Amino acid sequence: AWYQRRVRGSFQREDQKKFLEQHTGYSDPLIVKLKEELRRLEELKLQNLERFIKLTRAEIERYWDLMFYSEEDKRLFTPYFSDSVGENMLSEHEKKLECLLQEYNNYENLYMTIRSR
């Protein structure tokens, strides 16, 4: 989850810096450019949200496999199977991943012992 926040933040900072270097002042054409940039950033945000959700889902799946989750247990996390995209959806996935990481770290020796048999 932390790597996603860093990547999302770096996109935003790079875009902001570039835009501000190219546009200064308070003119009507600048207001039009600001509105265009806002639309572009909203679209980029949606594109990246989907990407980050997919990345987080892949990590969730990896930990489910490492911890021998059954299909029934996996289905209990219904957001994983949702097609919706948004900040809340990403947040739910990040929280689930954090819980899985904590669970895995707490019982890592047990999982490794089971895998070695």
C-alpha atoms as a PDB file:
ATOM      1  CA  ALA A   1       0.000   0.000   0.000  1.00  0.00           C
ATOM      2  CA  TRP A   2       2.787   2.433   0.822  1.00  0.00           C
ATOM      3  CA  TYR A   3       4.372   1.989  -2.622  1.00  0.00           C
ATOM      4  CA  GLN A   4       1.078   2.896  -4.283  1.00  0.00           C
ATOM      5  CA  ARG A   5       0.788   6.117  -2.295  1.00  0.00           C
ATOM      6  CA  ARG A   6       4.342   7.039  -3.279  1.00  0.00           C
ATOM      7  CA  VAL A   7       3.702   6.336  -6.964  1.00  0.00           C
ATOM      8  CA  ARG A   8       0.377   8.209  -6.928  1.00  0.00           C
ATOM      9  CA  GLY A   9       2.033  11.146  -5.169  1.00  0.00           C
ATOM     10  CA  SER A  10       4.952  11.278  -7.579  1.00  0.00           C
ATOM     11  CA  PHE A  11       2.614  11.417 -10.594  1.00  0.00           C
ATOM     12  CA  GLN A  12       0.786  14.319  -9.039  1.00  0.00           C
ATOM     13  CA  ARG A  13       3.907  16.271  -8.046  1.00  0.00           C
ATOM     14  CA  GLU A  14       5.538  15.839 -11.478  1.00  0.00           C
ATOM     15  CA  ASP A  15       2.391  16.943 -13.293  1.00  0.00           C
ATOM     16  CA  GLN A  16       1.871  19.941 -11.023  1.00  0.00           C
ATOM     17  CA  LYS A  17       5.444  21.133 -11.357  1.00  0.00           C
ATOM     18  CA  LYS A  18       5.432  20.825 -15.142  1.00  0.00           C
ATOM     19  CA  PHE A  19       2.079  22.594 -15.488  1.00  0.00           C
ATOM     20  CA  LEU A  20       3.038  25.452 -13.154  1.00  0.00           C
ATOM     21  CA  GLU A  21       6.317  26.009 -14.994  1.00  0.00           C
ATOM     22  CA  GLN A  22       4.425  26.375 -18.281  1.00  0.00           C
ATOM     23  CA  HIS A  23       1.539  28.530 -17.013  1.00  0.00           C
ATOM     24  CA  THR A  24       1.816  31.685 -14.931  1.00  0.00           C
ATOM     25  CA  GLY A  25      -0.481  34.637 -14.257  1.00  0.00           C
ATOM     26  CA  TYR A  26      -4.263  35.054 -13.982  1.00  0.00           C
ATOM     27  CA  SER A  27      -5.539  35.530 -17.528  1.00  0.00           C
ATOM     28  CA  ASP A  28      -8.703  34.115 -19.143  1.00  0.00           C
ATOM     29  CA  PRO A  29      -6.654  31.770 -21.373  1.00  0.00           C
ATOM     30  CA  LEU A  30      -4.956  30.452 -18.235  1.00  0.00           C
ATOM     31  CA  ILE A  31      -8.342  29.726 -16.619  1.00  0.00           C
ATOM     32  CA  VAL A  32      -9.295  27.726 -19.724  1.00  0.00           C
ATOM     33  CA  LYS A  33      -5.984  25.846 -19.503  1.00  0.00           C
ATOM     34  CA  LEU A  34      -6.586  25.171 -15.796  1.00  0.00           C
ATOM     35  CA  LYS A  35      -9.994  23.676 -16.556  1.00  0.00           C
ATOM     36  CA  GLU A  36      -8.516  21.524 -19.323  1.00  0.00           C
ATOM     37  CA  GLU A  37      -5.757  20.374 -16.997  1.00  0.00           C
ATOM     38  CA  LEU A  38      -8.287  19.545 -14.298  1.00  0.00           C
ATOM     39  CA  ARG A  39     -10.230  17.343 -16.739  1.00  0.00           C
ATOM     40  CA  ARG A  40      -7.010  15.650 -17.844  1.00  0.00           C
ATOM     41  CA  LEU A  41      -5.939  14.985 -14.260  1.00  0.00           C
ATOM     42  CA  GLU A  42      -9.355  13.587 -13.336  1.00  0.00           C
ATOM     43  CA  GLU A  43      -9.090  11.162 -16.254  1.00  0.00           C
ATOM     44  CA  LEU A  44      -5.542  10.237 -15.272  1.00  0.00           C
ATOM     45  CA  LYS A  45      -6.675   9.697 -11.688  1.00  0.00           C
ATOM     46  CA  LEU A  46      -9.367   7.274 -12.805  1.00  0.00           C
ATOM     47  CA  GLN A  47      -6.927   5.415 -15.042  1.00  0.00           C
ATOM     48  CA  ASN A  48      -4.429   5.086 -12.234  1.00  0.00           C
ATOM     49  CA  LEU A  49      -7.024   4.095  -9.653  1.00  0.00           C
ATOM     50  CA  GLU A  50      -7.905   1.112 -11.772  1.00  0.00           C
ATOM     51  CA  ARG A  51      -4.221   0.247 -12.157  1.00  0.00           C
ATOM     52  CA  PHE A  52      -3.575   0.535  -8.416  1.00  0.00           C
ATOM     53  CA  ILE A  53      -6.637  -1.549  -7.604  1.00  0.00           C
ATOM     54  CA  LYS A  54      -5.395  -4.240  -9.999  1.00  0.00           C
ATOM     55  CA  LEU A  55      -1.912  -4.170  -8.462  1.00  0.00           C
ATOM     56  CA  THR A  56      -3.359  -4.432  -4.969  1.00  0.00           C
ATOM     57  CA  ARG A  57      -5.627  -7.288  -6.035  1.00  0.00           C
ATOM     58  CA  ALA A  58      -2.607  -9.158  -7.352  1.00  0.00           C
ATOM     59  CA  GLU A  59      -0.891  -8.756  -3.983  1.00  0.00           C
ATOM     60  CA  ILE A  60      -4.053  -9.852  -2.154  1.00  0.00           C
ATOM     61  CA  GLU A  61      -4.219 -12.944  -4.352  1.00  0.00           C
ATOM     62  CA  ARG A  62      -0.565 -13.697  -3.643  1.00  0.00           C
ATOM     63  CA  TYR A  63      -1.125 -13.580   0.112  1.00  0.00           C
ATOM     64  CA  TRP A  64      -4.325 -15.579  -0.137  1.00  0.00           C
ATOM     65  CA  ASP A  65      -2.290 -18.274  -1.868  1.00  0.00           C
ATOM     66  CA  LEU A  66       0.555 -18.070   0.645  1.00  0.00           C
ATOM     67  CA  MET A  67      -1.946 -18.495   3.486  1.00  0.00           C
ATOM     68  CA  PHE A  68      -3.986 -21.247   1.832  1.00  0.00           C
ATOM     69  CA  TYR A  69      -7.235 -19.271   1.666  1.00  0.00           C
ATOM     70  CA  SER A  70     -10.166 -21.269   0.323  1.00  0.00           C
ATOM     71  CA  GLU A  71     -12.358 -19.948  -2.470  1.00  0.00           C
ATOM     72  CA  GLU A  72     -15.111 -19.523   0.095  1.00  0.00           C
ATOM     73  CA  ASP A  73     -12.842 -17.382   2.297  1.00  0.00           C
ATOM     74  CA  LYS A  74     -11.805 -15.289  -0.705  1.00  0.00           C
ATOM     75  CA  ARG A  75     -15.430 -14.609  -1.645  1.00  0.00           C
ATOM     76  CA  LEU A  76     -15.973 -13.010   1.774  1.00  0.00           C
ATOM     77  CA  PHE A  77     -13.989  -9.994   0.554  1.00  0.00           C
ATOM     78  CA  THR A  78     -16.633  -8.845  -1.910  1.00  0.00           C
ATOM     79  CA  PRO A  79     -14.820  -5.683  -3.122  1.00  0.00           C
ATOM     80  CA  TYR A  80     -12.264  -7.948  -4.787  1.00  0.00           C
ATOM     81  CA  PHE A  81     -14.954  -9.111  -7.202  1.00  0.00           C
ATOM     82  CA  SER A  82     -16.409  -5.669  -7.890  1.00  0.00           C
ATOM     83  CA  ASP A  83     -15.960  -3.815 -11.187  1.00  0.00           C
ATOM     84  CA  SER A  84     -16.325  -0.374  -9.624  1.00  0.00           C
ATOM     85  CA  VAL A  85     -13.321   1.946  -9.482  1.00  0.00           C
ATOM     86  CA  GLY A  86     -12.795   4.748  -6.999  1.00  0.00           C
ATOM     87  CA  GLU A  87     -10.841   6.007  -4.002  1.00  0.00           C
ATOM     88  CA  ASN A  88     -13.056   4.039  -1.607  1.00  0.00           C
ATOM     89  CA  MET A  89     -12.522   0.824  -3.555  1.00  0.00           C
ATOM     90  CA  LEU A  90      -8.757   1.331  -3.530  1.00  0.00           C
ATOM     91  CA  SER A  91      -8.857   2.104   0.179  1.00  0.00           C
ATOM     92  CA  GLU A  92     -10.792  -1.092   0.927  1.00  0.00           C
ATOM     93  CA  HIS A  93      -8.245  -3.122  -1.025  1.00  0.00           C
ATOM     94  CA  GLU A  94      -5.309  -1.444   0.730  1.00  0.00           C
ATOM     95  CA  LYS A  95      -6.876  -2.164   4.131  1.00  0.00           C
ATOM     96  CA  LYS A  96      -7.414  -5.805   3.209  1.00  0.00           C
ATOM     97  CA  LEU A  97      -3.839  -6.121   2.005  1.00  0.00           C
ATOM     98  CA  GLU A  98      -2.548  -4.601   5.249  1.00  0.00           C
ATOM     99  CA  CYS A  99      -4.592  -7.129   7.252  1.00  0.00           C
ATOM    100  CA  LEU A 100      -3.255  -9.991   5.151  1.00  0.00           C
ATOM    101  CA  LEU A 101       0.319  -8.771   5.561  1.00  0.00           C
ATOM    102  CA  GLN A 102      -0.116  -8.540   9.312  1.00  0.00           C
ATOM    103  CA  GLU A 103      -1.686 -12.001   9.466  1.00  0.00           C
ATOM    104  CA  TYR A 104       1.069 -13.483   7.329  1.00  0.00           C
ATOM    105  CA  ASN A 105       3.810 -11.863   9.405  1.00  0.00           C
ATOM    106  CA  ASN A 106       2.213 -13.108  12.632  1.00  0.00           C
ATOM    107  CA  TYR A 107       2.114 -16.717  11.415  1.00  0.00           C
ATOM    108  CA  GLU A 108       4.862 -16.826   8.817  1.00  0.00           C
ATOM    109  CA  ASN A 109       6.685 -19.740  10.466  1.00  0.00           C
ATOM    110  CA  LEU A 110       3.513 -21.803  10.480  1.00  0.00           C
ATOM    111  CA  TYR A 111       2.856 -21.134   6.790  1.00  0.00           C
ATOM    112  CA  MET A 112       6.434 -21.985   5.895  1.00  0.00           C
ATOM    113  CA  THR A 113       6.252 -25.240   7.863  1.00  0.00           C
ATOM    114  CA  ILE A 114       3.042 -26.256   6.112  1.00  0.00           C
ATOM    115  CA  ARG A 115       4.520 -25.405   2.690  1.00  0.00           C
ATOM    116  CA  SER A 116       7.652 -27.447   3.340  1.00  0.00           C
ATOM    117  CA  ARG A 117       5.686 -30.669   3.938  1.00  0.00           C
END
